């Protein structure tokens, strides 16, 4: 009996994740205001009645998409920050993974939609709070880079904010149908925040 209950729970969680995956691009492309539960159900390949079995409203789906995405990203950057390796390699891992994520542009759109739209004050506060918390591991990596002599001087948290904002801005250029035909090289981005020692020495001597 317990085994069946566990299996049912796993299936429910998988179905909810499938719905959230479908909702991300639907909401990003159509806009949160224009996207409907019917649109989300169609993208997820389920009936509208079945969708309501998992989520009560579009607003609940929107909030969960944001929570899941930001929480998952936070866990990822913390694991990178706490792991072995030099700062440059860590920032490169973060940049490469974020730029390689197929729907990163949609996540970025939804984060900014939540902060700029008529979303509830609680949702805006939660999104901004998670964004700010997720800067901390990146700031720790940049502080490591400063200690190693590869990162520029300055407030690590401020530099982490610039790094994250730059990466997110680049992902918006990957929106299907609107791609800017210019290569995006993670290493070029990382060079701005944790360049090689020789390059930093040349900048200081210039």
N, C-alpha and C. Protein backbone atom coordinates (compact mmCIF):
# COMPACT_ATOMS: atom_id res chain seq x y z
N UNK A 1 0.84 -1.20 0.00
CA UNK A 1 0.00 0.00 0.00
C UNK A 1 0.87 1.25 0.00
N UNK A 2 1.91 1.25 0.86
CA UNK A 2 2.80 2.40 0.95
C UNK A 2 3.54 2.58 -0.37
N UNK A 3 3.90 1.45 -1.00
CA UNK A 3 4.62 1.54 -2.27
C UNK A 3 3.73 2.16 -3.34
N UNK A 4 2.45 1.79 -3.37
CA UNK A 4 1.52 2.36 -4.34
C UNK A 4 1.32 3.84 -4.10
N UNK A 5 1.25 4.24 -2.83
CA UNK A 5 1.07 5.65 -2.50
C UNK A 5 2.28 6.46 -2.95
N UNK A 6 3.46 5.89 -2.77
CA UNK A 6 4.68 6.58 -3.19
C UNK A 6 4.72 6.71 -4.72
N UNK A 7 4.29 5.66 -5.41
CA UNK A 7 4.26 5.70 -6.87
C UNK A 7 3.27 6.75 -7.36
N UNK A 8 2.11 6.80 -6.71
CA UNK A 8 1.09 7.79 -7.08
C UNK A 8 1.62 9.21 -6.88
N UNK A 9 2.35 9.41 -5.79
CA UNK A 9 2.91 10.73 -5.50
C UNK A 9 3.94 11.12 -6.55
N UNK A 10 4.78 10.17 -6.94
CA UNK A 10 5.79 10.43 -7.97
C UNK A 10 5.13 10.78 -9.30
N UNK A 11 4.07 10.05 -9.63
CA UNK A 11 3.37 10.32 -10.88
C UNK A 11 2.71 11.69 -10.85
N UNK A 12 2.16 12.06 -9.70
CA UNK A 12 1.54 13.37 -9.57
C UNK A 12 2.58 14.48 -9.72
N UNK A 13 3.73 14.31 -9.07
CA UNK A 13 4.79 15.31 -9.17
C UNK A 13 5.29 15.43 -10.61
N UNK A 14 5.41 14.30 -11.30
CA UNK A 14 5.86 14.33 -12.69
C UNK A 14 4.85 15.05 -13.57
N UNK A 15 3.57 14.78 -13.34
CA UNK A 15 2.53 15.44 -14.12
C UNK A 15 2.53 16.94 -13.86
N UNK A 16 2.71 17.33 -12.62
CA UNK A 16 2.76 18.76 -12.29
C UNK A 16 3.96 19.43 -12.95
N UNK A 17 5.09 18.74 -12.97
CA UNK A 17 6.28 19.29 -13.64
C UNK A 17 6.06 19.42 -15.14
N UNK A 18 5.36 18.44 -15.73
CA UNK A 18 5.05 18.51 -17.16
C UNK A 18 4.17 19.72 -17.46
N UNK A 19 3.21 19.97 -16.59
CA UNK A 19 2.31 21.12 -16.77
C UNK A 19 3.10 22.42 -16.65
N UNK A 20 3.96 22.50 -15.67
CA UNK A 20 4.76 23.71 -15.47
C UNK A 20 5.71 23.94 -16.64
N UNK A 21 6.30 22.87 -17.16
CA UNK A 21 7.18 22.99 -18.32
C UNK A 21 6.41 23.55 -19.52
N UNK A 22 5.19 23.07 -19.70
CA UNK A 22 4.37 23.55 -20.81
C UNK A 22 3.95 25.00 -20.60
N UNK A 23 3.69 25.36 -19.35
CA UNK A 23 3.19 26.70 -19.04
C UNK A 23 4.24 27.78 -19.26
N UNK A 24 5.51 27.43 -19.09
CA UNK A 24 6.58 28.44 -19.18
C UNK A 24 6.54 29.19 -20.50
N UNK A 25 6.60 28.45 -21.61
CA UNK A 25 6.65 29.11 -22.91
C UNK A 25 5.30 29.68 -23.31
N UNK A 26 4.21 29.02 -22.91
CA UNK A 26 2.88 29.56 -23.22
C UNK A 26 2.73 30.95 -22.62
N UNK A 27 3.09 31.09 -21.36
CA UNK A 27 2.96 32.37 -20.68
C UNK A 27 3.95 33.40 -21.21
N UNK A 28 5.15 32.96 -21.54
CA UNK A 28 6.16 33.90 -22.03
C UNK A 28 5.80 34.44 -23.40
N UNK A 29 5.27 33.58 -24.28
CA UNK A 29 4.95 33.98 -25.65
C UNK A 29 3.64 34.76 -25.71
N UNK A 30 2.61 34.24 -25.06
CA UNK A 30 1.30 34.88 -25.12
C UNK A 30 1.16 36.04 -24.14
N UNK A 31 1.99 36.02 -23.11
CA UNK A 31 1.84 36.99 -22.04
C UNK A 31 1.00 36.37 -20.94
N UNK A 32 1.34 36.65 -19.71
CA UNK A 32 0.63 36.04 -18.59
C UNK A 32 -0.84 36.44 -18.62
N UNK A 33 -1.12 37.67 -18.97
CA UNK A 33 -2.51 38.13 -19.00
C UNK A 33 -3.34 37.47 -20.08
N UNK A 34 -2.73 37.17 -21.22
CA UNK A 34 -3.47 36.60 -22.35
C UNK A 34 -3.51 35.08 -22.32
N UNK A 35 -2.54 34.45 -21.71
CA UNK A 35 -2.53 32.99 -21.63
C UNK A 35 -3.68 32.52 -20.75
N UNK A 36 -4.30 31.43 -21.15
CA UNK A 36 -5.43 30.89 -20.40
C UNK A 36 -5.13 29.48 -19.91
N UNK A 37 -5.96 29.00 -19.03
CA UNK A 37 -5.83 27.63 -18.56
C UNK A 37 -6.00 26.67 -19.73
N UNK A 38 -6.87 27.03 -20.67
CA UNK A 38 -7.08 26.19 -21.85
C UNK A 38 -5.81 26.11 -22.69
N UNK A 39 -5.12 27.23 -22.84
CA UNK A 39 -3.85 27.24 -23.58
C UNK A 39 -2.83 26.31 -22.90
N UNK A 40 -2.75 26.42 -21.59
CA UNK A 40 -1.78 25.62 -20.84
C UNK A 40 -2.13 24.14 -20.92
N UNK A 41 -3.41 23.82 -20.79
CA UNK A 41 -3.84 22.43 -20.87
C UNK A 41 -3.50 21.85 -22.24
N UNK A 42 -3.74 22.64 -23.30
CA UNK A 42 -3.44 22.17 -24.65
C UNK A 42 -1.96 21.91 -24.84
N UNK A 43 -1.12 22.81 -24.33
CA UNK A 43 0.32 22.64 -24.46
C UNK A 43 0.82 21.44 -23.67
N UNK A 44 0.16 21.15 -22.55
CA UNK A 44 0.55 20.03 -21.71
C UNK A 44 -0.05 18.71 -22.19
N UNK A 45 -0.98 18.78 -23.13
CA UNK A 45 -1.59 17.58 -23.66
C UNK A 45 -2.58 16.92 -22.72
N UNK A 46 -3.26 17.72 -21.90
CA UNK A 46 -4.26 17.18 -20.98
C UNK A 46 -5.55 17.98 -21.12
N UNK A 47 -6.62 17.46 -20.55
CA UNK A 47 -7.90 18.16 -20.60
C UNK A 47 -7.90 19.31 -19.59
N UNK A 48 -8.77 20.28 -19.82
CA UNK A 48 -8.87 21.40 -18.90
C UNK A 48 -9.32 20.94 -17.52
N UNK A 49 -10.19 19.93 -17.48
CA UNK A 49 -10.64 19.39 -16.20
C UNK A 49 -9.51 18.75 -15.44
N UNK A 50 -8.64 18.04 -16.15
CA UNK A 50 -7.50 17.40 -15.52
C UNK A 50 -6.51 18.43 -15.00
N UNK A 51 -6.38 19.54 -15.74
CA UNK A 51 -5.48 20.61 -15.30
C UNK A 51 -5.92 21.17 -13.96
N UNK A 52 -7.22 21.37 -13.80
CA UNK A 52 -7.73 21.91 -12.54
C UNK A 52 -7.58 20.91 -11.39
N UNK A 53 -7.33 19.67 -11.72
CA UNK A 53 -7.08 18.67 -10.68
C UNK A 53 -5.73 18.93 -10.01
N UNK A 54 -4.82 19.59 -10.75
CA UNK A 54 -3.48 19.85 -10.23
C UNK A 54 -3.28 21.29 -9.78
N UNK A 55 -3.89 22.23 -10.46
CA UNK A 55 -3.73 23.64 -10.13
C UNK A 55 -5.08 24.35 -10.15
N UNK A 56 -5.29 25.21 -9.17
CA UNK A 56 -6.58 25.89 -9.04
C UNK A 56 -6.75 27.04 -10.01
N UNK A 57 -5.65 27.65 -10.43
CA UNK A 57 -5.75 28.85 -11.26
C UNK A 57 -4.46 29.09 -12.04
N UNK A 58 -4.57 29.96 -13.02
CA UNK A 58 -3.40 30.37 -13.79
C UNK A 58 -2.39 31.08 -12.89
N UNK A 59 -2.89 31.86 -11.95
CA UNK A 59 -2.02 32.58 -11.03
C UNK A 59 -1.19 31.62 -10.18
N UNK A 60 -1.80 30.52 -9.78
CA UNK A 60 -1.07 29.52 -9.00
C UNK A 60 0.03 28.88 -9.86
N UNK A 61 -0.28 28.62 -11.11
CA UNK A 61 0.72 28.05 -12.02
C UNK A 61 1.87 29.03 -12.22
N UNK A 62 1.55 30.29 -12.44
CA UNK A 62 2.56 31.33 -12.64
C UNK A 62 3.49 31.41 -11.44
N UNK A 63 2.92 31.43 -10.25
CA UNK A 63 3.72 31.53 -9.03
C UNK A 63 4.62 30.31 -8.87
N UNK A 64 4.10 29.13 -9.21
CA UNK A 64 4.88 27.90 -9.04
C UNK A 64 5.98 27.80 -10.10
N UNK A 65 5.71 28.25 -11.32
CA UNK A 65 6.74 28.29 -12.35
C UNK A 65 7.92 29.13 -11.88
N UNK A 66 7.63 30.29 -11.32
CA UNK A 66 8.68 31.18 -10.84
C UNK A 66 9.42 30.58 -9.65
N UNK A 67 8.67 30.03 -8.69
CA UNK A 67 9.30 29.45 -7.50
C UNK A 67 10.21 28.29 -7.89
N UNK A 68 9.71 27.41 -8.74
CA UNK A 68 10.50 26.24 -9.14
C UNK A 68 11.77 26.66 -9.89
N UNK A 69 11.62 27.59 -10.83
CA UNK A 69 12.78 28.02 -11.62
C UNK A 69 13.83 28.71 -10.78
N UNK A 70 13.40 29.63 -9.92
CA UNK A 70 14.37 30.38 -9.11
C UNK A 70 15.00 29.50 -8.05
N UNK A 71 14.22 28.60 -7.47
CA UNK A 71 14.75 27.70 -6.45
C UNK A 71 15.77 26.73 -7.06
N UNK A 72 15.43 26.19 -8.22
CA UNK A 72 16.35 25.28 -8.89
C UNK A 72 17.65 25.96 -9.28
N UNK A 73 17.54 27.19 -9.79
CA UNK A 73 18.75 27.94 -10.14
C UNK A 73 19.58 28.24 -8.90
N UNK A 74 18.91 28.59 -7.80
CA UNK A 74 19.62 28.88 -6.56
C UNK A 74 20.40 27.68 -6.05
N UNK A 75 19.79 26.51 -6.12
CA UNK A 75 20.47 25.29 -5.69
C UNK A 75 21.68 25.01 -6.59
N UNK A 76 21.52 25.28 -7.87
CA UNK A 76 22.61 25.05 -8.82
C UNK A 76 23.79 25.96 -8.53
N UNK A 77 23.55 27.26 -8.39
CA UNK A 77 24.69 28.18 -8.18
C UNK A 77 25.34 27.96 -6.82
N UNK A 78 24.56 27.53 -5.83
CA UNK A 78 25.16 27.23 -4.52
C UNK A 78 26.08 26.02 -4.63
N UNK A 79 25.65 25.01 -5.38
CA UNK A 79 26.49 23.82 -5.53
C UNK A 79 27.78 24.15 -6.28
N UNK A 80 27.68 25.04 -7.26
CA UNK A 80 28.88 25.45 -7.99
C UNK A 80 29.81 26.25 -7.08
N UNK A 81 29.24 27.18 -6.33
CA UNK A 81 30.04 28.02 -5.43
C UNK A 81 30.75 27.18 -4.37
N UNK A 82 30.06 26.17 -3.85
CA UNK A 82 30.62 25.34 -2.78
C UNK A 82 31.58 24.27 -3.30
N UNK A 83 31.60 24.05 -4.60
CA UNK A 83 32.42 23.00 -5.17
C UNK A 83 33.87 23.41 -5.36
N UNK A 84 34.69 22.48 -5.81
CA UNK A 84 36.12 22.77 -6.03
C UNK A 84 36.32 23.55 -7.32
N UNK A 85 37.49 24.12 -7.46
CA UNK A 85 37.84 24.80 -8.70
C UNK A 85 38.04 26.29 -8.52
N UNK A 86 38.65 26.90 -9.53
CA UNK A 86 38.90 28.34 -9.50
C UNK A 86 37.63 29.10 -9.86
N UNK A 87 37.62 30.37 -9.49
CA UNK A 87 36.43 31.20 -9.69
C UNK A 87 36.05 31.29 -11.17
N UNK A 88 37.04 31.47 -12.02
CA UNK A 88 36.74 31.59 -13.45
C UNK A 88 36.00 30.37 -13.96
N UNK A 89 36.45 29.19 -13.58
CA UNK A 89 35.80 27.95 -14.02
C UNK A 89 34.37 27.86 -13.49
N UNK A 90 34.16 28.32 -12.27
CA UNK A 90 32.82 28.29 -11.69
C UNK A 90 31.87 29.23 -12.42
N UNK A 91 32.32 30.44 -12.69
CA UNK A 91 31.48 31.39 -13.42
C UNK A 91 31.21 30.89 -14.83
N UNK A 92 32.19 30.23 -15.42
CA UNK A 92 32.01 29.69 -16.76
C UNK A 92 30.95 28.59 -16.75
N UNK A 93 30.95 27.77 -15.71
CA UNK A 93 29.93 26.72 -15.59
C UNK A 93 28.54 27.33 -15.51
N UNK A 94 28.39 28.37 -14.70
CA UNK A 94 27.09 29.03 -14.55
C UNK A 94 26.65 29.65 -15.87
N UNK A 95 27.54 30.38 -16.52
CA UNK A 95 27.20 31.06 -17.77
C UNK A 95 26.87 30.06 -18.88
N UNK A 96 27.67 29.02 -19.01
CA UNK A 96 27.44 28.02 -20.06
C UNK A 96 26.11 27.31 -19.86
N UNK A 97 25.81 26.94 -18.63
CA UNK A 97 24.56 26.23 -18.37
C UNK A 97 23.36 27.12 -18.63
N UNK A 98 23.43 28.38 -18.20
CA UNK A 98 22.29 29.29 -18.36
C UNK A 98 22.06 29.60 -19.83
N UNK A 99 23.13 29.85 -20.60
CA UNK A 99 22.98 30.17 -22.01
C UNK A 99 22.57 28.95 -22.83
N UNK A 100 22.91 27.75 -22.35
CA UNK A 100 22.56 26.53 -23.09
C UNK A 100 21.14 26.07 -22.81
N UNK A 101 20.53 26.58 -21.75
CA UNK A 101 19.17 26.16 -21.40
C UNK A 101 18.20 26.65 -22.46
N UNK A 102 17.49 25.72 -23.07
CA UNK A 102 16.65 26.05 -24.21
C UNK A 102 15.58 27.09 -23.95
N UNK A 103 14.99 27.08 -22.75
CA UNK A 103 13.91 28.04 -22.47
C UNK A 103 14.32 29.09 -21.44
N UNK A 104 15.61 29.36 -21.35
CA UNK A 104 16.06 30.37 -20.38
C UNK A 104 15.46 31.73 -20.69
N UNK A 105 15.24 32.01 -21.98
CA UNK A 105 14.63 33.29 -22.36
C UNK A 105 13.23 33.43 -21.75
N UNK A 106 12.49 32.31 -21.72
CA UNK A 106 11.13 32.34 -21.18
C UNK A 106 11.16 32.58 -19.67
N UNK A 107 12.10 31.94 -18.98
CA UNK A 107 12.24 32.17 -17.53
C UNK A 107 12.52 33.64 -17.26
N UNK A 108 13.42 34.23 -18.04
CA UNK A 108 13.78 35.63 -17.83
C UNK A 108 12.59 36.54 -18.06
N UNK A 109 11.83 36.29 -19.11
CA UNK A 109 10.63 37.09 -19.38
C UNK A 109 9.65 37.02 -18.23
N UNK A 110 9.43 35.82 -17.71
CA UNK A 110 8.44 35.66 -16.64
C UNK A 110 8.90 36.31 -15.34
N UNK A 111 10.19 36.25 -15.05
CA UNK A 111 10.70 36.91 -13.85
C UNK A 111 10.45 38.40 -13.92
N UNK A 112 10.76 38.99 -15.07
CA UNK A 112 10.57 40.44 -15.21
C UNK A 112 9.09 40.80 -15.30
N UNK A 113 8.29 39.91 -15.87
CA UNK A 113 6.84 40.14 -15.91
C UNK A 113 6.28 40.22 -14.51
N UNK A 114 6.72 39.31 -13.65
CA UNK A 114 6.23 39.29 -12.27
C UNK A 114 6.60 40.57 -11.53
N UNK A 115 7.76 41.10 -11.81
CA UNK A 115 8.24 42.29 -11.09
C UNK A 115 7.69 43.59 -11.66
N UNK A 116 7.24 43.57 -12.92
CA UNK A 116 6.80 44.80 -13.56
C UNK A 116 5.30 44.85 -13.84
N UNK A 117 4.61 43.72 -13.73
CA UNK A 117 3.20 43.66 -14.07
C UNK A 117 2.33 43.90 -12.85
N UNK A 118 1.06 43.60 -13.01
CA UNK A 118 0.12 43.77 -11.92
C UNK A 118 0.03 42.51 -11.06
N UNK A 119 1.13 41.80 -10.94
CA UNK A 119 1.17 40.64 -10.05
C UNK A 119 0.96 41.11 -8.61
N UNK A 120 0.58 40.20 -7.76
CA UNK A 120 0.34 40.57 -6.37
C UNK A 120 1.62 41.07 -5.72
N UNK A 121 1.45 41.90 -4.72
CA UNK A 121 2.62 42.42 -4.00
C UNK A 121 3.43 41.28 -3.40
N UNK A 122 2.74 40.25 -2.91
CA UNK A 122 3.44 39.11 -2.31
C UNK A 122 4.30 38.39 -3.35
N UNK A 123 3.75 38.20 -4.56
CA UNK A 123 4.51 37.52 -5.60
C UNK A 123 5.72 38.34 -6.01
N UNK A 124 5.54 39.64 -6.18
CA UNK A 124 6.67 40.50 -6.55
C UNK A 124 7.76 40.46 -5.48
N UNK A 125 7.33 40.47 -4.23
CA UNK A 125 8.29 40.43 -3.12
C UNK A 125 9.04 39.09 -3.12
N UNK A 126 8.32 38.01 -3.33
CA UNK A 126 8.95 36.69 -3.34
C UNK A 126 9.96 36.55 -4.48
N UNK A 127 9.58 37.02 -5.66
CA UNK A 127 10.47 36.92 -6.82
C UNK A 127 11.73 37.75 -6.61
N UNK A 128 11.56 38.97 -6.15
CA UNK A 128 12.71 39.84 -5.91
C UNK A 128 13.59 39.29 -4.79
N UNK A 129 12.95 38.73 -3.76
CA UNK A 129 13.70 38.15 -2.65
C UNK A 129 14.54 36.97 -3.09
N UNK A 130 13.96 36.08 -3.88
CA UNK A 130 14.72 34.92 -4.36
C UNK A 130 15.84 35.35 -5.29
N UNK A 131 15.57 36.33 -6.15
CA UNK A 131 16.61 36.84 -7.04
C UNK A 131 17.79 37.36 -6.23
N UNK A 132 17.50 38.12 -5.19
CA UNK A 132 18.56 38.71 -4.36
C UNK A 132 19.35 37.63 -3.62
N UNK A 133 18.65 36.65 -3.06
CA UNK A 133 19.32 35.55 -2.37
C UNK A 133 20.23 34.78 -3.32
N UNK A 134 19.77 34.59 -4.55
CA UNK A 134 20.55 33.83 -5.52
C UNK A 134 21.81 34.56 -5.99
N UNK A 135 21.91 35.86 -5.68
CA UNK A 135 23.13 36.59 -6.00
C UNK A 135 24.27 36.22 -5.06
N UNK A 136 23.93 35.76 -3.85
CA UNK A 136 24.96 35.53 -2.83
C UNK A 136 26.01 34.50 -3.25
N UNK A 137 25.62 33.33 -3.79
CA UNK A 137 26.65 32.38 -4.20
C UNK A 137 27.54 32.92 -5.32
N UNK A 138 26.94 33.68 -6.24
CA UNK A 138 27.73 34.27 -7.32
C UNK A 138 28.70 35.29 -6.75
N UNK A 139 28.24 36.07 -5.77
CA UNK A 139 29.12 37.04 -5.11
C UNK A 139 30.28 36.33 -4.42
N UNK A 140 30.00 35.17 -3.82
CA UNK A 140 31.06 34.41 -3.16
C UNK A 140 32.10 33.94 -4.18
N UNK A 141 31.65 33.56 -5.36
CA UNK A 141 32.58 33.14 -6.41
C UNK A 141 33.45 34.31 -6.86
N UNK A 142 32.83 35.46 -7.03
CA UNK A 142 33.59 36.64 -7.45
C UNK A 142 34.59 37.05 -6.37
N UNK A 143 34.19 36.95 -5.10
CA UNK A 143 35.13 37.24 -4.01
C UNK A 143 36.30 36.27 -4.06
N UNK A 144 36.02 35.02 -4.39
CA UNK A 144 37.09 34.03 -4.55
C UNK A 144 38.02 34.46 -5.69
N UNK A 145 37.42 34.93 -6.78
CA UNK A 145 38.21 35.39 -7.91
C UNK A 145 39.09 36.58 -7.56
N UNK A 146 38.57 37.46 -6.72
CA UNK A 146 39.38 38.60 -6.28
C UNK A 146 40.57 38.12 -5.46
N UNK A 147 40.34 37.12 -4.61
CA UNK A 147 41.43 36.57 -3.80
C UNK A 147 42.46 35.86 -4.68
N UNK A 148 41.99 35.29 -5.79
CA UNK A 148 42.90 34.59 -6.71
C UNK A 148 43.58 35.56 -7.68
N UNK A 149 43.12 36.79 -7.69
CA UNK A 149 43.71 37.78 -8.58
C UNK A 149 43.17 37.78 -9.99
N UNK A 150 41.99 37.17 -10.20
CA UNK A 150 41.43 37.11 -11.55
C UNK A 150 40.19 37.98 -11.72
N UNK A 151 39.57 38.40 -10.64
CA UNK A 151 38.35 39.21 -10.72
C UNK A 151 38.67 40.67 -10.44
N UNK A 152 37.93 41.59 -11.05
CA UNK A 152 38.19 43.01 -10.82
C UNK A 152 37.84 43.42 -9.40
N UNK A 153 38.38 44.54 -8.97
CA UNK A 153 38.07 45.05 -7.65
C UNK A 153 36.64 45.58 -7.62
N UNK A 154 36.09 45.63 -6.42
CA UNK A 154 34.74 46.14 -6.27
C UNK A 154 33.92 45.28 -5.34
N UNK A 155 32.71 45.72 -5.07
CA UNK A 155 31.79 44.99 -4.21
C UNK A 155 31.38 43.69 -4.91
N UNK A 156 31.68 42.52 -4.35
CA UNK A 156 31.33 41.26 -5.01
C UNK A 156 29.84 41.12 -5.30
N UNK A 157 28.99 41.62 -4.39
CA UNK A 157 27.55 41.51 -4.62
C UNK A 157 27.12 42.37 -5.80
N UNK A 158 27.69 43.55 -5.90
CA UNK A 158 27.38 44.44 -7.03
C UNK A 158 27.82 43.80 -8.34
N UNK A 159 29.02 43.22 -8.35
CA UNK A 159 29.52 42.56 -9.55
C UNK A 159 28.68 41.33 -9.89
N UNK A 160 28.21 40.62 -8.87
CA UNK A 160 27.34 39.47 -9.10
C UNK A 160 26.03 39.91 -9.74
N UNK A 161 25.53 41.06 -9.32
CA UNK A 161 24.30 41.62 -9.89
C UNK A 161 24.51 41.93 -11.37
N UNK A 162 25.65 42.53 -11.70
CA UNK A 162 25.95 42.84 -13.10
C UNK A 162 26.08 41.55 -13.92
N UNK A 163 26.78 40.57 -13.37
CA UNK A 163 26.99 39.30 -14.08
C UNK A 163 25.65 38.63 -14.39
N UNK A 164 24.81 38.51 -13.37
CA UNK A 164 23.51 37.85 -13.54
C UNK A 164 22.63 38.62 -14.51
N UNK A 165 22.60 39.93 -14.39
CA UNK A 165 21.76 40.75 -15.27
C UNK A 165 22.23 40.65 -16.72
N UNK A 166 23.54 40.59 -16.93
CA UNK A 166 24.07 40.46 -18.29
C UNK A 166 23.67 39.13 -18.90
N UNK A 167 23.81 38.06 -18.13
CA UNK A 167 23.43 36.74 -18.63
C UNK A 167 21.95 36.70 -18.97
N UNK A 168 21.11 37.23 -18.08
CA UNK A 168 19.67 37.23 -18.34
C UNK A 168 19.33 38.06 -19.57
N UNK A 169 20.00 39.19 -19.72
CA UNK A 169 19.75 40.02 -20.89
C UNK A 169 20.10 39.29 -22.19
N UNK A 170 21.17 38.54 -22.17
CA UNK A 170 21.57 37.79 -23.36
C UNK A 170 20.55 36.70 -23.70
N UNK A 171 19.97 36.08 -22.67
CA UNK A 171 19.00 35.02 -22.95
C UNK A 171 17.79 35.55 -23.70
N UNK A 172 17.45 36.81 -23.49
CA UNK A 172 16.29 37.38 -24.18
C UNK A 172 16.52 37.46 -25.68
N UNK A 173 17.77 37.45 -26.10
CA UNK A 173 18.08 37.49 -27.54
C UNK A 173 17.93 36.11 -28.18
N UNK A 174 17.57 35.10 -27.37
CA UNK A 174 17.39 33.74 -27.87
C UNK A 174 15.91 33.40 -28.08
N UNK A 175 15.02 34.35 -27.93
CA UNK A 175 13.60 34.07 -28.09
C UNK A 175 13.33 33.60 -29.52
N UNK A 176 12.68 32.44 -29.68
CA UNK A 176 12.44 31.88 -31.02
C UNK A 176 11.77 32.89 -31.95
N UNK A 177 12.33 33.02 -33.14
CA UNK A 177 11.78 33.94 -34.11
C UNK A 177 12.34 35.34 -34.00
N UNK A 178 13.06 35.61 -32.93
CA UNK A 178 13.64 36.95 -32.73
C UNK A 178 15.12 36.88 -32.37
N UNK A 179 15.75 35.76 -32.72
CA UNK A 179 17.16 35.58 -32.35
C UNK A 179 18.05 36.61 -33.05
N UNK A 180 18.95 37.18 -32.28
CA UNK A 180 19.96 38.07 -32.85
C UNK A 180 21.09 37.19 -33.39
N UNK A 181 21.45 37.34 -34.68
CA UNK A 181 22.45 36.45 -35.29
C UNK A 181 23.88 36.80 -34.92
N UNK A 182 24.16 36.79 -33.64
CA UNK A 182 25.50 37.07 -33.14
C UNK A 182 25.86 35.96 -32.15
N UNK A 183 27.05 35.37 -32.24
CA UNK A 183 27.42 34.30 -31.31
C UNK A 183 27.40 34.78 -29.86
N UNK A 184 27.01 33.88 -28.98
CA UNK A 184 27.06 34.17 -27.54
C UNK A 184 28.07 33.23 -26.92
N UNK A 185 29.20 33.76 -26.52
CA UNK A 185 30.25 32.93 -25.94
C UNK A 185 30.33 33.18 -24.45
N UNK A 186 30.06 32.14 -23.69
CA UNK A 186 30.09 32.27 -22.23
C UNK A 186 31.45 32.76 -21.75
N UNK A 187 32.51 32.29 -22.39
CA UNK A 187 33.86 32.68 -21.97
C UNK A 187 34.07 34.18 -22.10
N UNK A 188 33.48 34.78 -23.14
CA UNK A 188 33.64 36.23 -23.33
C UNK A 188 32.95 37.00 -22.22
N UNK A 189 31.81 36.48 -21.76
CA UNK A 189 31.10 37.12 -20.64
C UNK A 189 31.92 36.99 -19.36
N UNK A 190 32.42 35.80 -19.11
CA UNK A 190 33.17 35.54 -17.88
C UNK A 190 34.45 36.37 -17.84
N UNK A 191 35.05 36.62 -18.99
CA UNK A 191 36.28 37.43 -19.02
C UNK A 191 36.07 38.82 -18.41
N UNK A 192 34.84 39.31 -18.45
CA UNK A 192 34.55 40.63 -17.89
C UNK A 192 34.57 40.62 -16.36
N UNK A 193 34.37 39.42 -15.78
CA UNK A 193 34.24 39.32 -14.33
C UNK A 193 35.32 38.47 -13.67
N UNK A 194 35.97 37.65 -14.43
CA UNK A 194 37.06 36.82 -13.89
C UNK A 194 38.00 36.47 -15.03
N UNK A 195 38.60 37.52 -15.60
CA UNK A 195 39.53 37.32 -16.70
C UNK A 195 40.80 36.65 -16.22
N UNK A 196 41.59 36.23 -17.13
CA UNK A 196 42.85 35.61 -16.75
C UNK A 196 43.78 36.65 -16.12
N UNK A 197 44.66 36.21 -15.27
CA UNK A 197 45.54 37.13 -14.53
C UNK A 197 46.31 38.06 -15.48
N UNK A 198 46.81 37.51 -16.58
CA UNK A 198 47.60 38.32 -17.49
C UNK A 198 46.79 39.48 -18.06
N UNK A 199 45.50 39.20 -18.40
CA UNK A 199 44.65 40.24 -18.96
C UNK A 199 44.38 41.32 -17.93
N UNK A 200 44.15 40.92 -16.68
CA UNK A 200 43.90 41.90 -15.63
C UNK A 200 45.14 42.73 -15.37
N UNK A 201 46.29 42.10 -15.42
CA UNK A 201 47.54 42.84 -15.22
C UNK A 201 47.71 43.90 -16.31
N UNK A 202 47.36 43.54 -17.54
CA UNK A 202 47.49 44.50 -18.64
C UNK A 202 46.54 45.68 -18.44
N UNK A 203 45.32 45.40 -17.93
CA UNK A 203 44.36 46.48 -17.69
C UNK A 203 44.88 47.44 -16.63
N UNK A 204 45.46 46.87 -15.56
CA UNK A 204 45.94 47.71 -14.47
C UNK A 204 47.14 48.56 -14.91
N UNK A 205 47.98 47.97 -15.79
CA UNK A 205 49.19 48.66 -16.22
C UNK A 205 48.92 49.70 -17.31
N UNK A 206 47.73 49.59 -17.94
CA UNK A 206 47.42 50.50 -19.06
C UNK A 206 47.23 51.94 -18.58
